[in-house]
Amino acid sequence: MDDNQHIIGSNNTVGVNTVGVNTVGLNTVGVNTVDSKTLDSQQFDVTGMTCAHCVASVTEKVCELPGVTNVTVELHPGQVSRVVVATDTPVSSDAISRAIAEAGYAAVASS
C-alpha cells in the first residue's frame, strides 16, 4: 500500500455502525467489514479531495447507502482520486455518485 492509499469501511454488528481512524505507519482510515460477501465492486474517479478529512467525508456518505460493505480510497491530493465501493446487494452507480456529491466532491464512474 503506498503512502496515499486510504482504506475505509463500515462495520455493522449488533446494530452498531463503527467508523475508526488508524494512522500507525500508514495512511489508513476506518475498519474492515466483518462477515460480508461482496456482490459487486464499482470504481469512481473523484476530484477535489486533498486530505484524510476529505476521505472520511466521502466514506461516511457512501457507507450510509444500504448494501455498501467497504469503501477504499486512493487519495491523490489535488488530482483525481480513486474510490472503490464494494457492495453485498445491488447499489446503482448514480446513488453512489450522489452520495459522493453530497460529501462535496465530483465523481465519475470509471472502469
C-alpha atoms as a PDB file:
ATOM      1  CA  MET A   1       0.000   0.000   0.000  1.00  0.00           C
ATOM      2  CA  ASP A   2       1.503   3.381  -0.938  1.00  0.00           C
ATOM      3  CA  ASP A   3       1.515   6.423   1.353  1.00  0.00           C
ATOM      4  CA  ASN A   4      -1.560   7.918  -0.344  1.00  0.00           C
ATOM      5  CA  GLN A   5      -3.866   4.896  -0.177  1.00  0.00           C
ATOM      6  CA  HIS A   6      -6.676   5.011   2.350  1.00  0.00           C
ATOM      7  CA  ILE A   7      -8.882   2.078   3.244  1.00  0.00           C
ATOM      8  CA  ILE A   8     -12.286   2.856   4.629  1.00  0.00           C
ATOM      9  CA  GLY A   9     -15.123   0.591   5.520  1.00  0.00           C
ATOM     10  CA  SER A  10     -18.051   0.054   7.765  1.00  0.00           C
ATOM     11  CA  ASN A  11     -18.539  -2.488  10.496  1.00  0.00           C
ATOM     12  CA  ASN A  12     -22.210  -3.228  11.072  1.00  0.00           C
ATOM     13  CA  THR A  13     -22.517  -5.621  14.006  1.00  0.00           C
ATOM     14  CA  VAL A  14     -25.307  -5.825  16.558  1.00  0.00           C
ATOM     15  CA  GLY A  15     -26.892  -2.686  15.113  1.00  0.00           C
ATOM     16  CA  VAL A  16     -23.826  -0.523  15.740  1.00  0.00           C
ATOM     17  CA  ASN A  17     -22.050   1.323  12.940  1.00  0.00           C
ATOM     18  CA  THR A  18     -18.386   1.945  13.662  1.00  0.00           C
ATOM     19  CA  VAL A  19     -16.012   4.295  11.849  1.00  0.00           C
ATOM     20  CA  GLY A  20     -12.479   4.438  13.187  1.00  0.00           C
ATOM     21  CA  VAL A  21      -9.184   6.091  12.364  1.00  0.00           C
ATOM     22  CA  ASN A  22      -5.839   4.299  12.443  1.00  0.00           C
ATOM     23  CA  THR A  23      -2.647   6.095  11.465  1.00  0.00           C
ATOM     24  CA  VAL A  24       0.139   3.832  12.707  1.00  0.00           C
ATOM     25  CA  GLY A  25       2.780   3.914   9.995  1.00  0.00           C
ATOM     26  CA  LEU A  26       0.249   4.009   7.135  1.00  0.00           C
ATOM     27  CA  ASN A  27      -2.419   6.371   5.878  1.00  0.00           C
ATOM     28  CA  THR A  28      -5.246   4.021   6.765  1.00  0.00           C
ATOM     29  CA  VAL A  29      -8.679   5.214   7.810  1.00  0.00           C
ATOM     30  CA  GLY A  30     -11.510   3.000   9.028  1.00  0.00           C
ATOM     31  CA  VAL A  31     -12.236  -0.581   9.889  1.00  0.00           C
ATOM     32  CA  ASN A  32     -12.804  -3.600   7.688  1.00  0.00           C
ATOM     33  CA  THR A  33     -16.163  -5.255   7.285  1.00  0.00           C
ATOM     34  CA  VAL A  34     -16.985  -8.473   9.099  1.00  0.00           C
ATOM     35  CA  ASP A  35     -18.894 -11.448   7.664  1.00  0.00           C
ATOM     36  CA  SER A  36     -19.984  -9.817   4.428  1.00  0.00           C
ATOM     37  CA  LYS A  37     -19.973 -11.178   0.919  1.00  0.00           C
ATOM     38  CA  THR A  38     -19.055  -8.786  -1.843  1.00  0.00           C
ATOM     39  CA  LEU A  39     -21.534  -8.963  -4.682  1.00  0.00           C
ATOM     40  CA  ASP A  40     -20.156  -6.105  -6.729  1.00  0.00           C
ATOM     41  CA  SER A  41     -17.365  -3.567  -6.801  1.00  0.00           C
ATOM     42  CA  GLN A  42     -17.549  -0.189  -8.549  1.00  0.00           C
ATOM     43  CA  GLN A  43     -14.809   2.364  -9.169  1.00  0.00           C
ATOM     44  CA  PHE A  44     -15.150   6.145  -9.294  1.00  0.00           C
ATOM     45  CA  ASP A  45     -12.763   8.947 -10.207  1.00  0.00           C
ATOM     46  CA  VAL A  46     -13.250  11.760  -7.690  1.00  0.00           C
ATOM     47  CA  THR A  47     -11.901  15.301  -7.909  1.00  0.00           C
ATOM     48  CA  GLY A  48     -11.324  17.848  -5.166  1.00  0.00           C
ATOM     49  CA  MET A  49     -10.093  15.567  -2.386  1.00  0.00           C
ATOM     50  CA  THR A  50      -6.950  16.773  -0.616  1.00  0.00           C
ATOM     51  CA  CYS A  51      -6.690  15.115   2.810  1.00  0.00           C
ATOM     52  CA  ALA A  52      -7.848  12.406   5.220  1.00  0.00           C
ATOM     53  CA  HIS A  53     -10.840  14.557   6.211  1.00  0.00           C
ATOM     54  CA  CYS A  54     -11.989  14.526   2.573  1.00  0.00           C
ATOM     55  CA  VAL A  55     -11.590  10.750   2.542  1.00  0.00           C
ATOM     56  CA  ALA A  56     -13.611  10.421   5.756  1.00  0.00           C
ATOM     57  CA  SER A  57     -16.391  12.672   4.411  1.00  0.00           C
ATOM     58  CA  VAL A  58     -16.770  10.643   1.218  1.00  0.00           C
ATOM     59  CA  THR A  59     -16.588   7.366   3.097  1.00  0.00           C
ATOM     60  CA  GLU A  60     -19.192   8.388   5.649  1.00  0.00           C
ATOM     61  CA  LYS A  61     -21.709   9.404   2.966  1.00  0.00           C
ATOM     62  CA  VAL A  62     -21.140   6.337   0.788  1.00  0.00           C
ATOM     63  CA  CYS A  63     -21.292   3.951   3.781  1.00  0.00           C
ATOM     64  CA  GLU A  64     -24.761   5.326   4.602  1.00  0.00           C
ATOM     65  CA  LEU A  65     -26.089   3.626   1.451  1.00  0.00           C
ATOM     66  CA  PRO A  66     -27.775   0.268   2.119  1.00  0.00           C
ATOM     67  CA  GLY A  67     -25.684  -2.577   0.742  1.00  0.00           C
ATOM     68  CA  VAL A  68     -22.284  -0.851   0.887  1.00  0.00           C
ATOM     69  CA  THR A  69     -19.808  -3.083   2.706  1.00  0.00           C
ATOM     70  CA  ASN A  70     -16.463  -1.388   2.076  1.00  0.00           C
ATOM     71  CA  VAL A  71     -15.007   1.781   0.575  1.00  0.00           C
ATOM     72  CA  THR A  72     -11.365   2.079  -0.479  1.00  0.00           C
ATOM     73  CA  VAL A  73      -9.952   5.484  -1.379  1.00  0.00           C
ATOM     74  CA  GLU A  74      -6.656   6.036  -3.152  1.00  0.00           C
ATOM     75  CA  LEU A  75      -6.032   9.698  -2.362  1.00  0.00           C
ATOM     76  CA  HIS A  76      -4.098  11.857  -4.812  1.00  0.00           C
ATOM     77  CA  PRO A  77      -4.285  15.379  -3.353  1.00  0.00           C
ATOM     78  CA  GLY A  78      -5.158  17.986  -5.964  1.00  0.00           C
ATOM     79  CA  GLN A  79      -5.573  15.325  -8.656  1.00  0.00           C
ATOM     80  CA  VAL A  80      -8.093  12.604  -9.450  1.00  0.00           C
ATOM     81  CA  SER A  81      -8.510  10.181  -6.540  1.00  0.00           C
ATOM     82  CA  ARG A  82      -9.859   6.646  -6.977  1.00  0.00           C
ATOM     83  CA  VAL A  83     -12.783   5.413  -4.856  1.00  0.00           C
ATOM     84  CA  VAL A  84     -13.740   1.721  -4.946  1.00  0.00           C
ATOM     85  CA  VAL A  85     -17.089   0.760  -3.429  1.00  0.00           C
ATOM     86  CA  ALA A  86     -17.883  -2.868  -2.552  1.00  0.00           C
ATOM     87  CA  THR A  87     -21.489  -3.930  -2.025  1.00  0.00           C
ATOM     88  CA  ASP A  88     -23.330  -7.063  -0.951  1.00  0.00           C
ATOM     89  CA  THR A  89     -26.583  -6.011  -2.668  1.00  0.00           C
ATOM     90  CA  PRO A  90     -27.067  -4.054  -5.894  1.00  0.00           C
ATOM     91  CA  VAL A  91     -26.360  -0.317  -5.489  1.00  0.00           C
ATOM     92  CA  SER A  92     -26.620   1.962  -8.525  1.00  0.00           C
ATOM     93  CA  SER A  93     -23.614   3.985  -9.616  1.00  0.00           C
ATOM     94  CA  ASP A  94     -25.927   7.033  -9.657  1.00  0.00           C
ATOM     95  CA  ALA A  95     -26.708   6.547  -5.958  1.00  0.00           C
ATOM     96  CA  ILE A  96     -23.004   6.291  -5.144  1.00  0.00           C
ATOM     97  CA  SER A  97     -22.194   9.359  -7.272  1.00  0.00           C
ATOM     98  CA  ARG A  98     -24.938  11.323  -5.470  1.00  0.00           C
ATOM     99  CA  ALA A  99     -23.535  10.289  -2.079  1.00  0.00           C
ATOM    100  CA  ILE A 100     -20.072  11.473  -3.121  1.00  0.00           C
ATOM    101  CA  ALA A 101     -21.604  14.747  -4.370  1.00  0.00           C
ATOM    102  CA  GLU A 102     -23.388  15.180  -1.015  1.00  0.00           C
ATOM    103  CA  ALA A 103     -19.946  14.973   0.595  1.00  0.00           C
ATOM    104  CA  GLY A 104     -18.887  17.862  -1.661  1.00  0.00           C
ATOM    105  CA  TYR A 105     -16.952  16.178  -4.444  1.00  0.00           C
ATOM    106  CA  ALA A 106     -17.459  15.378  -8.120  1.00  0.00           C
ATOM    107  CA  ALA A 107     -17.429  11.694  -9.106  1.00  0.00           C
ATOM    108  CA  VAL A 108     -17.430   9.873 -12.415  1.00  0.00           C
ATOM    109  CA  ALA A 109     -17.850   6.102 -12.611  1.00  0.00           C
ATOM    110  CA  SER A 110     -14.750   4.500 -14.116  1.00  0.00           C
ATOM    111  CA  SER A 111     -13.781   1.047 -15.312  1.00  0.00           C
END
